[in-house]
Amino acid sequence: MKTLSLLPLLFACLAAPGGPVLAAAPPPTVLAGLDALYPELDALYRDLHQTPELSLQEEKTAAKLAERLRKLGFEVTPKVGGHGVVALLRNGKGPTVMLRTDLDGLPVEEKTGLPYASKTKAKDAAGTEVSVMHACGHDVHMTSWLGTATLLAQTKDRWRGTLMLVGQPAEEIGAGARQMLADGLFKRFPKPDFAVAMHTVANAAAGTVRFTPGYALASVDSVDVTLYGKGGHGAYPHTTVDPVVMAARTILSLQTLVSREKSPLEPAVLTVGSIHGGTKSNIIPDEVRLQLTVRTYKPEVRKALLAGIERIAKAEAMVSGASRPPDVKVTEGTPATFNDPALTKRLVDAVGKVLGEKNLSETPSVMGGEDFSEYGSAGVPAVMLWLGITEPKRFAEAKGTEEALPSPHSPLYAPDRERALRTGVTLLTTSALELLGRP
């Protein structure tokens, strides 16, 4: 059931200097608490930013969020699919709306110079000590998510249904959503009627929101290919089967999968990002290892490219007289993120009435990936919206120039904190209220 009659109650001043111009409206209710709540959110954001944890290590981050949600009256279940958190707030009969945030940081040394910059170090999966930073905006996601939980818990007279908050681990390695689903996310807990998430982007001003109906992000597959030859002396190549030459031919042949075997109207990327083989200039090795990333939108294109990689690798090995067939293994994979078009329009219309239509804009799809896609693939209508985080003046100055704003995963990634957080809470709260039932 649509709840557009609730929208006049949502309007609230974002208060940040230079923030978006909001549409005129009657006195607010649900978002009216944001001003009083903001100092608490700001403190939480700074804490999360200073204490990031790597993928699959988010124990303390998850515990912080779980504790706050329990105090708000949510039924909280920790350790779902690792360090995942599921929190339910049941408020009568109505839809189940899932809001997802990601929890993990990145192995990046922060160089923003901010007074609350991360100095955290941790050991990665290989046991190597690395610096850790929230260089992808997950701290903004978590703080906005908790702000929305707080406002909705305080205004239960304004909505009906079940609010389902999912704190997901291991997004950065594309594993967390799959792990939570495997641990019964949609079986142990209500399967949501809708799933919503947001992600920060630097190529949009703080206070603005961007959206992409349909395919928004690509599927992402990592493929390892090991080619086997017969090693020997570089001066006597006729006594060997050279896997370096085999690898070179394989790499060139793989490019024809995109340029000659796929419709030019279907986007796809196939990149060989790593080649390892040999130890010395005059020694022909026994094997060469390739690492690939494959990006597509449509499942049938994805399937054809993955099958083509194996076919070409085997064919080149056979032509070379290899001692054995190559090993071809998909080591990581997430489906494409598809924003349900009807749901996207519904949320954009609702958010536009609060933020002002001029602060929303459609943006093209990209070839990056996100495992939020797993929830849509599991049969839930889903939408991911883009939250601008760049200080508006800086964004305006960079627009039309060659200046590159710090992108996600950059050690200089620094959101315009207050505008981003206030807009993030407004975005998620408005979206949830649009989808939940009304009293």
Protein backbone atom coordinates (compact mmCIF):
# COMPACT_ATOMS: atom_id res chain seq x y z
CA MET A 1 0.00 0.00 0.00
CA LYS A 2 1.36 3.42 -0.91
CA THR A 3 1.65 5.98 1.87
CA LEU A 4 2.00 9.24 0.02
CA SER A 5 -0.33 10.87 2.52
CA LEU A 6 2.52 10.51 5.03
CA LEU A 7 4.93 12.60 3.02
CA PRO A 8 3.85 16.02 4.35
CA LEU A 9 4.90 14.75 7.78
CA LEU A 10 8.46 14.01 6.70
CA PHE A 11 9.79 17.44 5.82
CA ALA A 12 12.59 18.62 8.04
CA CYS A 13 15.36 21.16 7.67
CA LEU A 14 18.71 19.48 6.98
CA ALA A 15 20.28 22.48 8.73
CA ALA A 16 23.74 22.01 7.25
CA PRO A 17 24.99 25.25 5.70
CA GLY A 18 24.59 25.18 1.94
CA GLY A 19 22.42 22.05 2.11
CA PRO A 20 19.70 21.27 -0.43
CA VAL A 21 16.69 23.49 -0.81
CA LEU A 22 13.68 21.57 0.50
CA ALA A 23 10.14 21.84 -0.69
CA ALA A 24 7.74 23.83 1.51
CA ALA A 25 5.55 21.72 3.78
CA PRO A 26 3.44 21.69 6.94
CA PRO A 27 5.19 21.26 10.31
CA PRO A 28 7.26 18.03 10.33
CA THR A 29 6.95 15.08 12.68
CA VAL A 30 9.00 11.98 11.82
CA LEU A 31 12.15 13.83 10.73
CA ALA A 32 11.67 16.60 13.27
CA GLY A 33 13.80 14.62 15.70
CA LEU A 34 16.83 14.70 13.42
CA ASP A 35 18.20 17.97 14.75
CA ALA A 36 18.18 16.71 18.34
CA LEU A 37 19.58 13.34 17.27
CA TYR A 38 22.37 14.66 15.07
CA PRO A 39 25.06 15.20 17.77
CA GLU A 40 24.70 11.55 18.79
CA LEU A 41 24.97 10.45 15.16
CA ASP A 42 28.00 12.64 14.61
CA ALA A 43 29.74 11.03 17.60
CA LEU A 44 28.87 7.56 16.33
CA TYR A 45 30.18 8.38 12.86
CA ARG A 46 33.51 9.62 14.23
CA ASP A 47 33.85 6.50 16.37
CA LEU A 48 33.07 4.15 13.48
CA HIS A 49 35.44 6.03 11.20
CA GLN A 50 38.29 5.74 13.71
CA THR A 51 37.73 2.04 14.44
CA PRO A 52 37.18 0.24 11.12
CA GLU A 53 37.46 -3.54 10.86
CA LEU A 54 38.38 -5.67 7.86
CA SER A 55 35.98 -7.99 6.07
CA LEU A 56 35.04 -11.03 8.19
CA GLN A 57 36.50 -9.28 11.27
CA GLU A 58 33.62 -6.87 12.04
CA GLU A 59 32.88 -8.22 15.53
CA LYS A 60 33.20 -4.95 17.48
CA THR A 61 31.43 -2.89 14.80
CA ALA A 62 28.49 -5.32 14.80
CA ALA A 63 28.35 -5.30 18.61
CA LYS A 64 28.16 -1.49 18.73
CA LEU A 65 25.22 -1.41 16.36
CA ALA A 66 23.45 -4.35 18.02
CA GLU A 67 23.65 -2.73 21.44
CA ARG A 68 22.09 0.51 20.20
CA LEU A 69 19.32 -1.33 18.37
CA ARG A 70 18.41 -3.35 21.47
CA LYS A 71 18.03 -0.12 23.44
CA LEU A 72 15.63 1.13 20.76
CA GLY A 73 13.40 -1.92 21.24
CA PHE A 74 14.46 -4.03 18.25
CA GLU A 75 14.64 -7.84 18.41
CA VAL A 76 18.34 -8.31 17.63
CA THR A 77 20.03 -11.46 16.38
CA PRO A 78 23.84 -11.27 16.07
CA LYS A 79 26.30 -13.51 14.20
CA VAL A 80 24.12 -14.24 11.19
CA GLY A 81 26.41 -15.39 8.39
CA GLY A 82 29.51 -14.36 10.34
CA HIS A 83 29.26 -10.99 12.06
CA GLY A 84 25.94 -10.10 10.46
CA VAL A 85 23.22 -8.41 12.52
CA VAL A 86 19.47 -8.77 11.94
CA ALA A 87 17.15 -6.46 13.90
CA LEU A 88 13.35 -6.49 13.71
CA LEU A 89 10.90 -3.88 14.92
CA ARG A 90 7.39 -5.28 14.61
CA ASN A 91 4.64 -2.70 14.58
CA GLY A 92 1.38 -4.37 13.60
CA LYS A 93 0.16 -5.73 10.31
CA GLY A 94 1.83 -4.38 7.19
CA PRO A 95 4.77 -4.86 4.79
CA THR A 96 8.23 -6.00 5.84
CA VAL A 97 10.81 -3.46 4.71
CA MET A 98 14.51 -4.33 4.81
CA LEU A 99 17.17 -1.64 5.11
CA ARG A 100 20.70 -2.93 4.62
CA THR A 101 24.01 -1.44 5.66
CA ASP A 102 27.51 -2.85 5.20
CA LEU A 103 29.97 -3.05 8.11
CA ASP A 104 33.49 -3.62 6.80
CA GLY A 105 36.43 -1.34 6.12
CA LEU A 106 39.30 -1.64 3.65
CA PRO A 107 43.05 -2.33 3.88
CA VAL A 108 43.86 1.31 3.06
CA GLU A 109 46.06 3.77 4.96
CA GLU A 110 44.07 6.95 5.51
CA LYS A 111 45.67 10.18 4.28
CA THR A 112 42.82 12.66 4.74
CA GLY A 113 44.48 14.53 7.60
CA LEU A 114 41.16 14.67 9.46
CA PRO A 115 41.32 14.96 13.26
CA TYR A 116 39.30 11.74 13.49
CA ALA A 117 41.26 9.87 10.81
CA SER A 118 41.70 6.14 11.28
CA LYS A 119 45.03 4.96 12.66
CA THR A 120 43.80 1.38 12.99
CA LYS A 121 45.97 -1.53 11.97
CA ALA A 122 44.94 -5.18 11.70
CA LYS A 123 46.13 -8.46 10.28
CA ASP A 124 44.56 -9.49 6.99
CA ALA A 125 43.60 -13.03 5.97
CA ALA A 126 47.22 -13.78 5.09
CA GLY A 127 48.45 -12.62 8.50
CA THR A 128 50.04 -9.42 7.16
CA GLU A 129 49.61 -6.26 9.22
CA VAL A 130 47.76 -3.58 7.22
CA SER A 131 46.24 -0.17 7.84
CA VAL A 132 42.43 -0.11 7.85
CA MET A 133 40.11 2.70 6.73
CA HIS A 134 36.46 3.29 5.92
CA ALA A 135 37.36 4.40 2.41
CA CYS A 136 34.04 3.41 0.83
CA GLY A 137 31.51 5.23 3.01
CA HIS A 138 30.32 2.28 5.07
CA ASP A 139 30.60 4.48 8.19
CA VAL A 140 28.12 6.90 6.56
CA HIS A 141 25.85 3.97 5.69
CA MET A 142 25.87 2.59 9.25
CA THR A 143 25.30 5.94 10.92
CA SER A 144 22.43 6.89 8.59
CA TRP A 145 20.91 3.43 9.07
CA LEU A 146 21.00 3.76 12.85
CA GLY A 147 19.60 7.29 12.64
CA THR A 148 16.68 5.98 10.60
CA ALA A 149 16.14 3.16 13.11
CA THR A 150 16.02 5.70 15.93
CA LEU A 151 13.53 8.03 14.25
CA LEU A 152 11.21 5.20 13.23
CA ALA A 153 11.36 3.62 16.69
CA GLN A 154 10.34 6.99 18.16
CA THR A 155 7.38 7.44 15.80
CA LYS A 156 5.67 4.05 15.66
CA ASP A 157 2.30 5.78 15.52
CA ARG A 158 3.16 6.90 11.96
CA TRP A 159 3.66 3.51 10.32
CA ARG A 160 2.66 -0.16 10.36
CA GLY A 161 4.51 -3.31 9.45
CA THR A 162 7.93 -4.76 10.23
CA LEU A 163 11.15 -2.81 9.91
CA MET A 164 13.99 -5.24 9.19
CA LEU A 165 17.50 -3.86 9.60
CA VAL A 166 20.35 -5.94 8.20
CA GLY A 167 23.95 -5.12 9.11
CA GLN A 168 25.95 -7.09 6.57
CA PRO A 169 29.60 -8.12 6.89
CA ALA A 170 32.16 -8.68 4.14
CA GLU A 171 30.67 -6.54 1.38
CA GLU A 172 34.13 -5.55 0.17
CA ILE A 173 34.99 -9.14 -0.72
CA GLY A 174 31.54 -9.94 -2.11
CA ALA A 175 30.84 -12.63 0.48
CA GLY A 176 28.64 -11.19 3.21
CA ALA A 177 25.21 -11.22 1.56
CA ARG A 178 25.70 -14.76 0.32
CA GLN A 179 26.80 -15.89 3.79
CA MET A 180 23.78 -14.30 5.47
CA LEU A 181 21.39 -15.88 2.97
CA ALA A 182 23.07 -19.26 3.45
CA ASP A 183 22.59 -18.84 7.21
CA GLY A 184 18.84 -18.48 6.73
CA LEU A 185 18.35 -14.73 6.43
CA PHE A 186 15.06 -15.15 4.55
CA LYS A 187 14.07 -18.37 6.35
CA ARG A 188 14.84 -17.67 10.01
CA PHE A 189 13.51 -14.13 9.62
CA PRO A 190 10.62 -12.67 7.58
CA LYS A 191 11.33 -12.49 3.87
CA PRO A 192 10.99 -8.77 3.11
CA ASP A 193 8.53 -7.30 0.65
CA PHE A 194 11.14 -4.67 -0.28
CA ALA A 195 14.89 -4.20 0.23
CA VAL A 196 16.56 -0.78 0.18
CA ALA A 197 20.18 0.30 0.48
CA MET A 198 22.23 3.34 -0.35
CA HIS A 199 25.88 3.88 -1.26
CA THR A 200 27.98 7.01 -1.07
CA VAL A 201 29.43 8.47 -4.27
CA ALA A 202 32.01 11.23 -4.66
CA ASN A 203 30.80 12.33 -8.08
CA ALA A 204 27.71 13.98 -6.57
CA ALA A 205 27.37 16.89 -4.16
CA ALA A 206 26.46 16.22 -0.55
CA GLY A 207 22.75 16.84 -0.09
CA THR A 208 21.87 15.21 -3.41
CA VAL A 209 20.75 11.73 -4.40
CA ARG A 210 21.22 9.86 -7.67
CA PHE A 211 19.34 6.85 -8.96
CA THR A 212 19.56 4.25 -11.74
CA PRO A 213 16.49 2.22 -12.76
CA GLY A 214 17.21 -1.30 -14.00
CA TYR A 215 20.80 -2.54 -14.08
CA ALA A 216 22.87 -0.23 -11.88
CA LEU A 217 25.99 -2.31 -11.20
CA ALA A 218 27.59 -5.25 -12.97
CA SER A 219 28.04 -8.83 -11.98
CA VAL A 220 31.59 -9.43 -10.79
CA ASP A 221 33.48 -12.68 -11.27
CA SER A 222 37.10 -13.37 -10.41
CA VAL A 223 38.61 -16.18 -12.48
CA ASP A 224 41.96 -17.92 -11.92
CA VAL A 225 43.51 -19.72 -14.91
CA THR A 226 46.61 -21.93 -14.52
CA LEU A 227 48.31 -22.99 -17.78
CA TYR A 228 50.70 -25.96 -17.66
CA GLY A 229 53.73 -26.43 -19.89
CA LYS A 230 57.03 -28.25 -19.79
CA GLY A 231 59.89 -26.23 -18.35
CA GLY A 232 63.48 -26.11 -19.47
CA HIS A 233 66.40 -23.96 -20.55
CA GLY A 234 65.60 -20.75 -22.41
CA ALA A 235 68.37 -21.54 -24.91
CA TYR A 236 66.66 -24.78 -25.93
CA PRO A 237 62.96 -23.88 -26.30
CA HIS A 238 62.39 -26.79 -28.70
CA THR A 239 62.72 -29.17 -25.74
CA THR A 240 59.95 -27.40 -23.79
CA VAL A 241 56.30 -26.45 -23.95
CA ASP A 242 56.42 -22.77 -23.13
CA PRO A 243 53.48 -21.68 -20.89
CA VAL A 244 54.51 -18.02 -21.20
CA VAL A 245 53.80 -18.04 -24.93
CA MET A 246 50.66 -20.08 -24.22
CA ALA A 247 49.56 -17.40 -21.74
CA ALA A 248 50.25 -14.60 -24.21
CA ARG A 249 48.12 -16.23 -26.88
CA THR A 250 45.40 -16.98 -24.34
CA ILE A 251 45.24 -13.35 -23.20
CA LEU A 252 44.88 -12.07 -26.74
CA SER A 253 42.27 -14.70 -27.63
CA LEU A 254 40.24 -13.90 -24.52
CA GLN A 255 39.66 -10.36 -25.77
CA THR A 256 37.67 -11.72 -28.70
CA LEU A 257 35.00 -12.91 -26.28
CA VAL A 258 34.02 -9.27 -25.82
CA SER A 259 34.91 -7.90 -29.25
CA ARG A 260 33.67 -10.74 -31.47
CA GLU A 261 31.42 -13.17 -29.58
CA LYS A 262 29.13 -10.77 -27.73
CA SER A 263 26.65 -8.25 -29.08
CA PRO A 264 28.21 -4.77 -29.01
CA LEU A 265 24.95 -3.57 -27.44
CA GLU A 266 25.54 -5.71 -24.33
CA PRO A 267 28.12 -4.19 -21.94
CA ALA A 268 30.92 -6.43 -20.71
CA VAL A 269 34.49 -6.16 -19.46
CA LEU A 270 37.14 -8.88 -19.38
CA THR A 271 40.43 -7.82 -17.82
CA VAL A 272 43.52 -9.91 -17.12
CA GLY A 273 44.88 -8.10 -14.11
CA SER A 274 47.66 -10.44 -13.03
CA ILE A 275 50.21 -12.75 -14.68
CA HIS A 276 52.62 -14.86 -12.64
CA GLY A 277 55.16 -17.28 -14.07
CA GLY A 278 58.85 -18.02 -14.09
CA THR A 279 61.81 -17.08 -11.89
CA LYS A 280 64.66 -16.14 -14.23
CA SER A 281 65.21 -14.82 -17.75
CA ASN A 282 66.75 -18.02 -19.12
CA ILE A 283 64.39 -20.53 -17.53
CA ILE A 284 61.13 -21.53 -19.19
CA PRO A 285 58.70 -22.31 -16.34
CA ASP A 286 56.37 -25.25 -15.90
CA GLU A 287 53.27 -23.10 -15.44
CA VAL A 288 51.82 -19.59 -15.65
CA ARG A 289 48.91 -18.26 -13.59
CA LEU A 290 46.44 -15.62 -14.80
CA GLN A 291 43.88 -13.73 -12.71
CA LEU A 292 40.87 -12.20 -14.47
CA THR A 293 37.93 -10.00 -13.60
CA VAL A 294 34.75 -10.34 -15.65
CA ARG A 295 31.93 -7.75 -15.55
CA THR A 296 28.53 -8.05 -17.23
CA TYR A 297 24.88 -7.13 -16.65
CA LYS A 298 22.72 -9.85 -18.14
CA PRO A 299 22.99 -13.42 -16.74
CA GLU A 300 23.17 -14.96 -20.22
CA VAL A 301 26.15 -12.73 -21.16
CA ARG A 302 27.85 -13.61 -17.89
CA LYS A 303 27.35 -17.33 -18.51
CA ALA A 304 28.67 -17.10 -22.09
CA LEU A 305 31.84 -15.22 -21.06
CA LEU A 306 32.69 -17.62 -18.25
CA ALA A 307 32.18 -20.60 -20.54
CA GLY A 308 34.25 -18.88 -23.24
CA ILE A 309 37.20 -18.36 -20.89
CA GLU A 310 37.39 -22.05 -20.16
CA ARG A 311 36.97 -22.99 -23.84
CA ILE A 312 39.74 -20.68 -25.04
CA ALA A 313 42.15 -21.65 -22.25
CA LYS A 314 41.70 -25.34 -23.07
CA ALA A 315 42.02 -24.74 -26.81
CA GLU A 316 45.26 -22.77 -26.48
CA ALA A 317 46.69 -25.45 -24.20
CA MET A 318 45.80 -28.17 -26.70
CA VAL A 319 47.29 -26.23 -29.63
CA SER A 320 50.48 -25.72 -27.62
CA GLY A 321 50.82 -29.40 -26.82
CA ALA A 322 50.44 -28.83 -23.09
CA SER A 323 51.11 -31.74 -20.81
CA ARG A 324 47.70 -31.33 -19.16
CA PRO A 325 44.56 -29.20 -19.50
CA PRO A 326 44.49 -25.86 -17.68
CA ASP A 327 42.76 -25.29 -14.39
CA VAL A 328 39.99 -22.65 -14.66
CA LYS A 329 38.31 -21.64 -11.42
CA VAL A 330 35.81 -18.90 -10.54
CA THR A 331 37.00 -17.81 -7.09
CA GLU A 332 34.52 -15.00 -6.35
CA GLY A 333 31.25 -13.98 -7.93
CA THR A 334 28.25 -11.73 -7.35
CA PRO A 335 25.29 -11.10 -9.67
CA ALA A 336 24.48 -7.75 -11.25
CA THR A 337 22.59 -5.22 -9.14
CA PHE A 338 19.16 -4.67 -10.67
CA ASN A 339 17.03 -1.83 -9.33
CA ASP A 340 13.37 -2.73 -9.69
CA PRO A 341 12.12 0.06 -12.02
CA ALA A 342 8.68 0.47 -10.44
CA LEU A 343 10.11 0.50 -6.93
CA THR A 344 12.81 2.93 -7.99
CA LYS A 345 10.25 5.37 -9.34
CA ARG A 346 8.15 5.06 -6.20
CA LEU A 347 11.06 5.89 -3.92
CA VAL A 348 12.41 8.65 -6.14
CA ASP A 349 9.00 10.32 -6.22
CA ALA A 350 8.75 10.12 -2.43
CA VAL A 351 12.28 11.33 -1.73
CA GLY A 352 11.93 14.11 -4.30
CA LYS A 353 9.00 15.55 -2.35
CA VAL A 354 11.24 15.86 0.70
CA LEU A 355 14.64 16.81 -0.71
CA GLY A 356 13.28 18.72 -3.68
CA GLU A 357 13.28 17.29 -7.18
CA LYS A 358 16.29 19.34 -8.25
CA ASN A 359 18.40 17.42 -5.73
CA LEU A 360 17.66 14.08 -7.40
CA SER A 361 19.00 13.01 -10.76
CA GLU A 362 19.28 9.85 -12.83
CA THR A 363 22.79 8.53 -13.42
CA PRO A 364 24.14 5.88 -15.83
CA SER A 365 24.91 2.36 -14.70
CA VAL A 366 28.55 1.45 -14.00
CA MET A 367 30.68 -1.69 -14.16
CA GLY A 368 31.48 -1.78 -10.45
CA GLY A 369 29.81 -4.45 -8.35
CA GLU A 370 27.93 -4.83 -5.05
CA ASP A 371 26.70 -7.95 -3.27
CA PHE A 372 23.45 -6.18 -2.33
CA SER A 373 22.49 -7.77 -5.65
CA GLU A 374 22.16 -11.14 -3.89
CA TYR A 375 18.95 -10.05 -2.15
CA GLY A 376 17.31 -9.10 -5.43
CA SER A 377 18.44 -12.39 -6.94
CA ALA A 378 16.75 -14.13 -4.00
CA GLY A 379 13.42 -12.74 -5.17
CA VAL A 380 13.02 -9.48 -3.24
CA PRO A 381 12.23 -6.23 -5.14
CA ALA A 382 15.30 -4.13 -4.35
CA VAL A 383 16.74 -0.67 -4.92
CA MET A 384 20.14 0.85 -4.21
CA LEU A 385 20.28 4.65 -4.27
CA TRP A 386 23.40 6.83 -4.52
CA LEU A 387 24.15 9.39 -1.79
CA GLY A 388 26.35 12.36 -2.77
CA ILE A 389 29.14 13.11 -0.27
CA THR A 390 31.33 15.84 -1.83
CA GLU A 391 31.21 19.33 -0.32
CA PRO A 392 28.99 21.30 -2.75
CA LYS A 393 31.45 24.14 -3.41
CA ARG A 394 34.28 21.71 -4.11
CA PHE A 395 32.01 19.64 -6.35
CA ALA A 396 31.00 22.75 -8.31
CA GLU A 397 34.63 23.83 -8.72
CA ALA A 398 35.70 20.37 -9.94
CA LYS A 399 32.79 20.03 -12.36
CA GLY A 400 33.90 20.64 -15.91
CA THR A 401 37.59 20.53 -15.00
CA GLU A 402 40.14 17.76 -15.04
CA GLU A 403 40.25 17.55 -11.23
CA ALA A 404 39.58 14.01 -10.08
CA LEU A 405 37.61 13.87 -6.84
CA PRO A 406 38.76 11.13 -4.46
CA SER A 407 36.85 7.99 -5.40
CA PRO A 408 35.78 5.12 -3.15
CA HIS A 409 38.81 3.10 -1.97
CA SER A 410 40.99 6.23 -2.12
CA PRO A 411 43.07 7.07 1.00
CA LEU A 412 41.71 10.63 0.58
CA TYR A 413 38.01 9.63 0.67
CA ALA A 414 36.43 12.13 3.07
CA PRO A 415 32.65 12.73 3.02
CA ASP A 416 31.16 16.14 3.77
CA ARG A 417 30.09 14.65 7.06
CA GLU A 418 27.07 16.59 8.28
CA ARG A 419 25.35 17.09 4.93
CA ALA A 420 25.93 13.46 4.01
CA LEU A 421 24.61 12.08 7.29
CA ARG A 422 21.53 14.30 7.41
CA THR A 423 20.67 13.48 3.81
CA GLY A 424 21.36 9.78 4.36
CA VAL A 425 18.96 9.63 7.31
CA THR A 426 16.35 11.57 5.33
CA LEU A 427 16.75 9.26 2.33
CA LEU A 428 16.39 6.01 4.28
CA THR A 429 13.63 7.27 6.57
CA THR A 430 11.57 8.62 3.69
CA SER A 431 12.05 5.40 1.71
CA ALA A 432 11.02 3.22 4.65
CA LEU A 433 7.91 5.29 5.38
CA GLU A 434 6.90 5.25 1.73
CA LEU A 435 6.93 1.43 1.78
CA LEU A 436 5.57 0.70 5.26
CA GLY A 437 1.84 0.67 5.95
CA ARG A 438 0.08 3.65 7.49
CA PRO A 439 -2.04 3.64 10.67
